[in-house]
Structure formats: C-alpha cells, structure tokens
C-alpha cells in the first residue's frame, strides 16, 4: 500500500473521530435534557444521534481533518526523532488536537462552545478520548505491518 496508507489513514481516522465525537456529544446533550426532566426514549436517542450525524457530522469532519493533518504531521516528527512508541505519539496527538480544536472554536465563536456536548469538562475529556482512539487507529492504519 506504500505511501497511500498515510492519506487513507488520515481520512479514516477523521471519519472515525467525527462519528464517535458526534455520537458522544449527542448523548451528553440528551443526558442533560433527561436530567432536566425530559422524557427521552431509546428511539429518540437513535433518531437524534442519526440527525446529528447528518447535520453536524460533515462540518465537524472538515475541522477534524484539518486538525488531524496538523497533529499527525507533528506526531510524525516526534516519531522520527524520539524513541517514543508511535501508537502513544498518535494517541496523544489526536487527544491534544481535539482539546485544542474545542478551545479554539470557543475563542472564535465569542466564548460559545460550538459542540454542545463539550460544554463541560467531562464533555471535553470525552472528545479528547475519542481523539486518542482515532490516533491509535491512525497509528494502526499507517503501520508497516497494518
């Protein structure tokens, strides 16, 4: 597969992150609504998650692609010049990318968190964990053995 594994890995890791991030953020929002007394069925959760995937997913994917491109290029330099295992490097790169991206989005949009499910520290951490998992996925997709 040669060099093609890098752009393919970037795109697939970004899609993974966008899907996981949207699913997690939707569940955070629905949990907050349920905590406020709203009755939300499993069917409601599924339909709202699918609606968010269709509505938020594509735009979130664009931001993630840009962020991961920068983060994984920086990670490649770390992998090249340090003895740190590449899976750990890309996991940290993915997590930091998501955390920084959420912070930058908040700054650009006048202090308003664009990703509603990341308004709390737990929501931000959940997005960063999804980013770390996407980084691990990228490391696996781009490994010479993968």
N, C-alpha and C. Protein backbone atom coordinates (compact mmCIF):
# COMPACT_ATOMS: atom_id res chain seq x y z
N UNK A 1 0.83 -1.18 0.00
CA UNK A 1 0.00 0.00 0.00
C UNK A 1 0.88 1.25 0.00
N UNK A 2 2.10 1.16 0.47
CA UNK A 2 3.07 2.25 0.39
C UNK A 2 2.61 3.56 1.00
N UNK A 3 2.89 4.64 0.29
CA UNK A 3 2.59 5.98 0.80
C UNK A 3 1.10 6.24 0.96
N UNK A 4 0.25 5.50 0.22
CA UNK A 4 -1.19 5.73 0.23
C UNK A 4 -1.80 5.49 1.61
N UNK A 5 -1.11 4.70 2.44
CA UNK A 5 -1.68 4.41 3.76
C UNK A 5 -1.77 5.66 4.64
N UNK A 6 -0.95 6.68 4.37
CA UNK A 6 -0.97 7.89 5.19
C UNK A 6 -2.21 8.75 4.93
N UNK A 7 -2.50 9.13 3.69
CA UNK A 7 -3.74 9.89 3.48
C UNK A 7 -4.99 9.07 3.78
N UNK A 8 -4.96 7.78 3.45
CA UNK A 8 -6.10 6.92 3.77
C UNK A 8 -6.30 6.84 5.27
N UNK A 9 -5.21 6.66 6.01
CA UNK A 9 -5.30 6.62 7.47
C UNK A 9 -5.83 7.91 8.05
N UNK A 10 -5.39 9.04 7.49
CA UNK A 10 -5.87 10.35 7.95
C UNK A 10 -7.38 10.47 7.73
N UNK A 11 -7.83 10.13 6.55
CA UNK A 11 -9.26 10.25 6.24
C UNK A 11 -10.09 9.30 7.11
N UNK A 12 -9.66 8.05 7.22
CA UNK A 12 -10.43 7.08 8.01
C UNK A 12 -10.42 7.42 9.49
N UNK A 13 -9.28 7.86 10.02
CA UNK A 13 -9.22 8.26 11.44
C UNK A 13 -10.11 9.48 11.68
N UNK A 14 -10.16 10.39 10.71
CA UNK A 14 -11.01 11.58 10.84
C UNK A 14 -12.49 11.20 10.81
N UNK A 15 -12.84 10.28 9.93
CA UNK A 15 -14.23 9.81 9.89
C UNK A 15 -14.59 9.11 11.19
N UNK A 16 -13.69 8.26 11.68
CA UNK A 16 -13.90 7.58 12.96
C UNK A 16 -14.15 8.61 14.06
N UNK A 17 -13.30 9.65 14.11
CA UNK A 17 -13.42 10.68 15.15
C UNK A 17 -14.72 11.45 15.00
N UNK A 18 -15.07 11.81 13.79
CA UNK A 18 -16.31 12.56 13.58
C UNK A 18 -17.52 11.75 14.03
N UNK A 19 -17.56 10.48 13.67
CA UNK A 19 -18.69 9.64 14.08
C UNK A 19 -18.72 9.45 15.59
N UNK A 20 -17.58 9.09 16.17
CA UNK A 20 -17.52 8.88 17.62
C UNK A 20 -17.81 10.18 18.36
N UNK A 21 -17.24 11.28 17.90
CA UNK A 21 -17.45 12.56 18.56
C UNK A 21 -18.90 13.01 18.52
N UNK A 22 -19.55 12.84 17.39
CA UNK A 22 -20.96 13.22 17.27
C UNK A 22 -21.82 12.33 18.16
N UNK A 23 -21.57 11.04 18.15
CA UNK A 23 -22.35 10.12 19.00
C UNK A 23 -22.21 10.52 20.46
N UNK A 24 -20.98 10.73 20.91
CA UNK A 24 -20.74 11.07 22.32
C UNK A 24 -21.38 12.41 22.66
N UNK A 25 -21.19 13.42 21.82
CA UNK A 25 -21.73 14.74 22.14
C UNK A 25 -23.25 14.70 22.18
N UNK A 26 -23.87 13.95 21.29
CA UNK A 26 -25.33 13.85 21.30
C UNK A 26 -25.83 13.22 22.59
N UNK A 27 -25.13 12.18 23.04
CA UNK A 27 -25.55 11.53 24.28
C UNK A 27 -25.38 12.44 25.49
N UNK A 28 -24.34 13.28 25.48
CA UNK A 28 -24.17 14.26 26.56
C UNK A 28 -25.34 15.25 26.58
N UNK A 29 -25.72 15.74 25.41
CA UNK A 29 -26.84 16.69 25.33
C UNK A 29 -28.13 16.03 25.78
N UNK A 30 -28.39 14.83 25.31
CA UNK A 30 -29.62 14.13 25.68
C UNK A 30 -29.65 13.79 27.17
N UNK A 31 -28.50 13.46 27.73
CA UNK A 31 -28.44 13.19 29.18
C UNK A 31 -28.76 14.45 29.97
N UNK A 32 -28.28 15.60 29.51
CA UNK A 32 -28.59 16.86 30.18
C UNK A 32 -30.09 17.15 30.10
N UNK A 33 -30.68 16.90 28.94
CA UNK A 33 -32.12 17.10 28.80
C UNK A 33 -32.90 16.16 29.71
N UNK A 34 -32.47 14.91 29.78
CA UNK A 34 -33.13 13.94 30.66
C UNK A 34 -32.98 14.37 32.11
N UNK A 35 -31.82 14.90 32.46
CA UNK A 35 -31.60 15.40 33.81
C UNK A 35 -32.49 16.58 34.16
N UNK A 36 -32.93 17.30 33.14
CA UNK A 36 -33.83 18.44 33.35
C UNK A 36 -35.30 18.00 33.33
N UNK A 37 -35.53 16.70 33.17
CA UNK A 37 -36.89 16.18 33.24
C UNK A 37 -37.50 15.75 31.93
N UNK A 38 -36.81 15.90 30.83
CA UNK A 38 -37.35 15.49 29.53
C UNK A 38 -37.40 13.96 29.45
N UNK A 39 -38.44 13.46 28.85
CA UNK A 39 -38.57 12.03 28.63
C UNK A 39 -37.96 11.70 27.27
N UNK A 40 -36.87 10.93 27.28
CA UNK A 40 -36.18 10.60 26.04
C UNK A 40 -36.08 9.09 25.92
N UNK A 41 -36.73 8.54 24.92
CA UNK A 41 -36.72 7.09 24.71
C UNK A 41 -35.47 6.68 23.94
N UNK A 42 -35.26 5.38 23.86
CA UNK A 42 -34.13 4.86 23.08
C UNK A 42 -34.31 5.22 21.60
N UNK A 43 -35.54 5.18 21.13
CA UNK A 43 -35.81 5.56 19.73
C UNK A 43 -35.49 7.03 19.50
N UNK A 44 -35.82 7.88 20.49
CA UNK A 44 -35.47 9.30 20.39
C UNK A 44 -33.96 9.48 20.34
N UNK A 45 -33.26 8.74 21.19
CA UNK A 45 -31.79 8.84 21.21
C UNK A 45 -31.21 8.45 19.85
N UNK A 46 -31.72 7.37 19.29
CA UNK A 46 -31.23 6.91 18.00
C UNK A 46 -31.52 7.93 16.90
N UNK A 47 -32.76 8.42 16.84
CA UNK A 47 -33.11 9.35 15.77
C UNK A 47 -32.35 10.67 15.92
N UNK A 48 -32.15 11.14 17.14
CA UNK A 48 -31.41 12.39 17.33
C UNK A 48 -29.92 12.21 17.02
N UNK A 49 -29.40 11.03 17.34
CA UNK A 49 -28.00 10.74 17.02
C UNK A 49 -27.81 10.71 15.51
N UNK A 50 -28.71 10.05 14.80
CA UNK A 50 -28.62 10.00 13.34
C UNK A 50 -28.78 11.39 12.72
N UNK A 51 -29.68 12.19 13.29
CA UNK A 51 -29.86 13.56 12.79
C UNK A 51 -28.60 14.39 13.01
N UNK A 52 -27.95 14.23 14.16
CA UNK A 52 -26.70 14.95 14.42
C UNK A 52 -25.58 14.47 13.50
N UNK A 53 -25.55 13.17 13.21
CA UNK A 53 -24.54 12.66 12.28
C UNK A 53 -24.70 13.31 10.91
N UNK A 54 -25.94 13.46 10.47
CA UNK A 54 -26.20 14.06 9.16
C UNK A 54 -26.00 15.58 9.19
N UNK A 55 -26.36 16.22 10.29
CA UNK A 55 -26.28 17.68 10.37
C UNK A 55 -24.93 18.20 10.80
N UNK A 56 -24.45 17.74 11.94
CA UNK A 56 -23.18 18.22 12.49
C UNK A 56 -21.99 17.47 11.91
N UNK A 57 -22.16 16.20 11.63
CA UNK A 57 -21.06 15.33 11.22
C UNK A 57 -20.18 15.86 10.10
N UNK A 58 -20.74 16.27 8.96
CA UNK A 58 -19.90 16.71 7.85
C UNK A 58 -19.03 17.93 8.17
N UNK A 59 -19.59 18.92 8.86
CA UNK A 59 -18.80 20.10 9.21
C UNK A 59 -17.75 19.76 10.26
N UNK A 60 -18.12 18.96 11.24
CA UNK A 60 -17.17 18.53 12.26
C UNK A 60 -16.03 17.76 11.60
N UNK A 61 -16.35 16.94 10.61
CA UNK A 61 -15.34 16.17 9.88
C UNK A 61 -14.32 17.08 9.22
N UNK A 62 -14.76 18.18 8.64
CA UNK A 62 -13.84 19.12 7.98
C UNK A 62 -12.85 19.68 9.00
N UNK A 63 -13.36 20.13 10.15
CA UNK A 63 -12.48 20.66 11.19
C UNK A 63 -11.51 19.59 11.69
N UNK A 64 -12.01 18.37 11.86
CA UNK A 64 -11.17 17.28 12.35
C UNK A 64 -10.08 16.94 11.33
N UNK A 65 -10.44 16.88 10.06
CA UNK A 65 -9.43 16.60 9.01
C UNK A 65 -8.29 17.61 9.06
N UNK A 66 -8.62 18.88 9.17
CA UNK A 66 -7.60 19.92 9.23
C UNK A 66 -6.76 19.77 10.49
N UNK A 67 -7.42 19.57 11.62
CA UNK A 67 -6.70 19.41 12.88
C UNK A 67 -5.82 18.18 12.91
N UNK A 68 -6.36 17.06 12.45
CA UNK A 68 -5.56 15.82 12.44
C UNK A 68 -4.39 15.91 11.47
N UNK A 69 -4.57 16.59 10.34
CA UNK A 69 -3.45 16.76 9.41
C UNK A 69 -2.28 17.44 10.13
N UNK A 70 -2.57 18.50 10.84
CA UNK A 70 -1.52 19.21 11.58
C UNK A 70 -0.97 18.34 12.70
N UNK A 71 -1.85 17.75 13.49
CA UNK A 71 -1.43 16.96 14.64
C UNK A 71 -0.62 15.73 14.24
N UNK A 72 -1.06 15.04 13.20
CA UNK A 72 -0.36 13.81 12.80
C UNK A 72 0.95 14.11 12.08
N UNK A 73 1.04 15.26 11.39
CA UNK A 73 2.33 15.66 10.83
C UNK A 73 3.32 15.98 11.95
N UNK A 74 2.85 16.68 12.97
CA UNK A 74 3.70 16.95 14.13
C UNK A 74 4.08 15.65 14.82
N UNK A 75 3.12 14.74 14.92
CA UNK A 75 3.40 13.43 15.51
C UNK A 75 4.44 12.66 14.73
N UNK A 76 4.40 12.77 13.41
CA UNK A 76 5.39 12.08 12.58
C UNK A 76 6.80 12.56 12.88
N UNK A 77 6.95 13.85 13.16
CA UNK A 77 8.27 14.38 13.54
C UNK A 77 8.72 13.81 14.88
N UNK A 78 7.79 13.73 15.82
CA UNK A 78 8.12 13.15 17.13
C UNK A 78 8.52 11.69 16.97
N UNK A 79 7.78 10.95 16.18
CA UNK A 79 8.10 9.53 15.95
C UNK A 79 9.48 9.39 15.32
N UNK A 80 9.78 10.26 14.39
CA UNK A 80 11.06 10.17 13.67
C UNK A 80 12.26 10.48 14.56
N UNK A 81 12.12 11.43 15.46
CA UNK A 81 13.27 11.92 16.20
C UNK A 81 13.30 11.55 17.68
N UNK A 82 12.36 10.74 18.14
CA UNK A 82 12.38 10.29 19.54
C UNK A 82 12.11 8.79 19.59
N UNK A 83 12.42 8.17 20.73
CA UNK A 83 12.15 6.74 20.86
C UNK A 83 10.74 6.43 21.38
N UNK A 84 9.87 7.42 21.46
CA UNK A 84 8.52 7.21 21.98
C UNK A 84 7.74 6.34 21.01
N UNK A 85 7.03 5.32 21.50
CA UNK A 85 6.25 4.45 20.61
C UNK A 85 5.23 5.24 19.79
N UNK A 86 5.14 4.92 18.51
CA UNK A 86 4.30 5.68 17.59
C UNK A 86 2.82 5.65 17.98
N UNK A 87 2.36 4.54 18.53
CA UNK A 87 0.95 4.48 18.93
C UNK A 87 0.67 5.51 20.02
N UNK A 88 1.57 5.62 20.98
CA UNK A 88 1.40 6.61 22.05
C UNK A 88 1.46 8.03 21.49
N UNK A 89 2.38 8.27 20.57
CA UNK A 89 2.52 9.60 19.98
C UNK A 89 1.23 10.01 19.27
N UNK A 90 0.69 9.13 18.45
CA UNK A 90 -0.51 9.49 17.69
C UNK A 90 -1.75 9.55 18.58
N UNK A 91 -1.79 8.76 19.64
CA UNK A 91 -2.90 8.87 20.59
C UNK A 91 -2.88 10.23 21.27
N UNK A 92 -1.71 10.66 21.71
CA UNK A 92 -1.59 11.98 22.34
C UNK A 92 -1.88 13.08 21.32
N UNK A 93 -1.39 12.92 20.10
CA UNK A 93 -1.65 13.92 19.05
C UNK A 93 -3.15 14.07 18.79
N UNK A 94 -3.86 12.95 18.73
CA UNK A 94 -5.31 13.00 18.50
C UNK A 94 -6.05 13.65 19.65
N UNK A 95 -5.66 13.30 20.88
CA UNK A 95 -6.32 13.87 22.06
C UNK A 95 -6.06 15.37 22.17
N UNK A 96 -4.80 15.76 22.02
CA UNK A 96 -4.45 17.18 22.11
C UNK A 96 -5.13 17.97 20.98
N UNK A 97 -5.16 17.40 19.80
CA UNK A 97 -5.83 18.06 18.68
C UNK A 97 -7.28 18.38 19.02
N UNK A 98 -7.99 17.41 19.55
CA UNK A 98 -9.41 17.64 19.84
C UNK A 98 -9.58 18.67 20.94
N UNK A 99 -8.76 18.60 21.97
CA UNK A 99 -8.87 19.56 23.07
C UNK A 99 -8.57 20.98 22.56
N UNK A 100 -7.49 21.13 21.81
CA UNK A 100 -7.12 22.45 21.27
C UNK A 100 -8.19 22.94 20.29
N UNK A 101 -8.70 22.06 19.46
CA UNK A 101 -9.72 22.46 18.50
C UNK A 101 -10.97 22.98 19.21
N UNK A 102 -11.38 22.30 20.27
CA UNK A 102 -12.55 22.76 21.03
C UNK A 102 -12.29 24.12 21.67
N UNK A 103 -11.08 24.31 22.20
CA UNK A 103 -10.73 25.60 22.81
C UNK A 103 -10.71 26.71 21.75
N UNK A 104 -10.14 26.43 20.59
CA UNK A 104 -10.08 27.43 19.53
C UNK A 104 -11.48 27.77 19.01
N UNK A 105 -12.33 26.77 18.87
CA UNK A 105 -13.69 27.02 18.42
C UNK A 105 -14.41 27.94 19.40
N UNK A 106 -14.19 27.71 20.68
CA UNK A 106 -14.82 28.55 21.70
C UNK A 106 -14.34 30.00 21.56
N UNK A 107 -13.05 30.18 21.34
CA UNK A 107 -12.50 31.53 21.20
C UNK A 107 -13.03 32.23 19.95
N UNK A 108 -13.09 31.51 18.86
CA UNK A 108 -13.54 32.10 17.59
C UNK A 108 -15.01 32.49 17.65
N UNK A 109 -15.81 31.71 18.35
CA UNK A 109 -17.25 31.96 18.41
C UNK A 109 -17.66 32.66 19.70
N UNK A 110 -16.85 33.62 20.13
CA UNK A 110 -17.19 34.53 21.23
C UNK A 110 -17.50 33.82 22.55
N UNK A 111 -16.75 32.78 22.85
CA UNK A 111 -16.90 32.09 24.12
C UNK A 111 -18.00 31.05 24.15
N UNK A 112 -18.66 30.83 23.04
CA UNK A 112 -19.75 29.85 22.99
C UNK A 112 -19.21 28.52 22.49
N UNK A 113 -19.35 27.45 23.28
CA UNK A 113 -18.91 26.14 22.79
C UNK A 113 -19.77 25.68 21.61
N UNK A 114 -19.15 25.46 20.47
CA UNK A 114 -19.88 25.06 19.27
C UNK A 114 -20.40 23.64 19.40
N UNK A 115 -19.61 22.78 20.01
CA UNK A 115 -20.02 21.39 20.23
C UNK A 115 -20.73 21.34 21.58
N UNK A 116 -22.05 21.27 21.54
CA UNK A 116 -22.84 21.38 22.76
C UNK A 116 -22.48 20.32 23.80
N UNK A 117 -22.16 19.14 23.35
CA UNK A 117 -21.81 18.07 24.27
C UNK A 117 -20.45 18.24 24.91
N UNK A 118 -19.71 19.28 24.52
CA UNK A 118 -18.39 19.54 25.10
C UNK A 118 -18.39 20.83 25.91
N UNK A 119 -19.53 21.17 26.47
CA UNK A 119 -19.62 22.38 27.31
C UNK A 119 -19.05 22.15 28.70
N UNK A 120 -18.98 20.92 29.11
CA UNK A 120 -18.44 20.58 30.44
C UNK A 120 -17.05 19.98 30.27
N UNK A 121 -16.33 19.92 31.38
CA UNK A 121 -15.02 19.28 31.35
C UNK A 121 -15.15 17.82 30.95
N UNK A 122 -16.19 17.15 31.45
CA UNK A 122 -16.40 15.74 31.08
C UNK A 122 -16.65 15.60 29.58
N UNK A 123 -17.39 16.53 29.01
CA UNK A 123 -17.63 16.50 27.57
C UNK A 123 -16.36 16.74 26.77
N UNK A 124 -15.54 17.68 27.22
CA UNK A 124 -14.27 17.94 26.54
C UNK A 124 -13.35 16.73 26.64
N UNK A 125 -13.29 16.14 27.82
CA UNK A 125 -12.45 14.95 28.01
C UNK A 125 -12.94 13.81 27.13
N UNK A 126 -14.26 13.66 27.01
CA UNK A 126 -14.79 12.57 26.17
C UNK A 126 -14.39 12.77 24.71
N UNK A 127 -14.40 14.01 24.24
CA UNK A 127 -13.97 14.28 22.87
C UNK A 127 -12.47 14.00 22.71
N UNK A 128 -11.69 14.36 23.73
CA UNK A 128 -10.25 14.09 23.69
C UNK A 128 -9.97 12.59 23.70
N UNK A 129 -10.74 11.83 24.46
CA UNK A 129 -10.58 10.37 24.48
C UNK A 129 -10.91 9.80 23.10
N UNK A 130 -11.96 10.29 22.48
CA UNK A 130 -12.28 9.86 21.11
C UNK A 130 -11.13 10.20 20.17
N UNK A 131 -10.53 11.38 20.36
CA UNK A 131 -9.37 11.77 19.56
C UNK A 131 -8.19 10.84 19.77
N UNK A 132 -7.97 10.43 21.02
CA UNK A 132 -6.89 9.49 21.30
C UNK A 132 -7.14 8.16 20.61
N UNK A 133 -8.38 7.68 20.67
CA UNK A 133 -8.71 6.42 19.99
C UNK A 133 -8.53 6.55 18.48
N UNK A 134 -8.89 7.70 17.92
CA UNK A 134 -8.67 7.93 16.49
C UNK A 134 -7.18 7.96 16.18
N UNK A 135 -6.37 8.50 17.09
CA UNK A 135 -4.92 8.49 16.91
C UNK A 135 -4.35 7.09 16.92
N UNK A 136 -4.86 6.24 17.81
CA UNK A 136 -4.43 4.84 17.84
C UNK A 136 -4.83 4.16 16.53
N UNK A 137 -6.03 4.44 16.06
CA UNK A 137 -6.50 3.89 14.78
C UNK A 137 -5.58 4.34 13.64
N UNK A 138 -5.20 5.63 13.63
CA UNK A 138 -4.29 6.15 12.61
C UNK A 138 -2.94 5.42 12.68
N UNK A 139 -2.42 5.23 13.88
CA UNK A 139 -1.13 4.53 14.04
C UNK A 139 -1.23 3.12 13.48
N UNK A 140 -2.34 2.45 13.74
CA UNK A 140 -2.53 1.08 13.23
C UNK A 140 -2.66 1.09 11.71
N UNK A 141 -3.44 2.03 11.18
CA UNK A 141 -3.65 2.10 9.72
C UNK A 141 -2.36 2.41 8.96
N UNK A 142 -1.47 3.15 9.57
CA UNK A 142 -0.26 3.59 8.88
C UNK A 142 0.97 2.78 9.23
N UNK A 143 0.80 1.76 10.07
CA UNK A 143 1.96 0.94 10.41
C UNK A 143 2.36 0.08 9.21
N UNK A 144 3.61 -0.24 9.13
CA UNK A 144 4.09 -1.05 8.00
C UNK A 144 3.53 -2.47 8.05
N UNK A 145 3.15 -2.92 9.25
CA UNK A 145 2.59 -4.26 9.39
C UNK A 145 1.09 -4.27 9.17
N UNK A 146 0.41 -3.08 9.26
CA UNK A 146 -1.05 -2.97 9.20
C UNK A 146 -1.67 -3.28 7.88
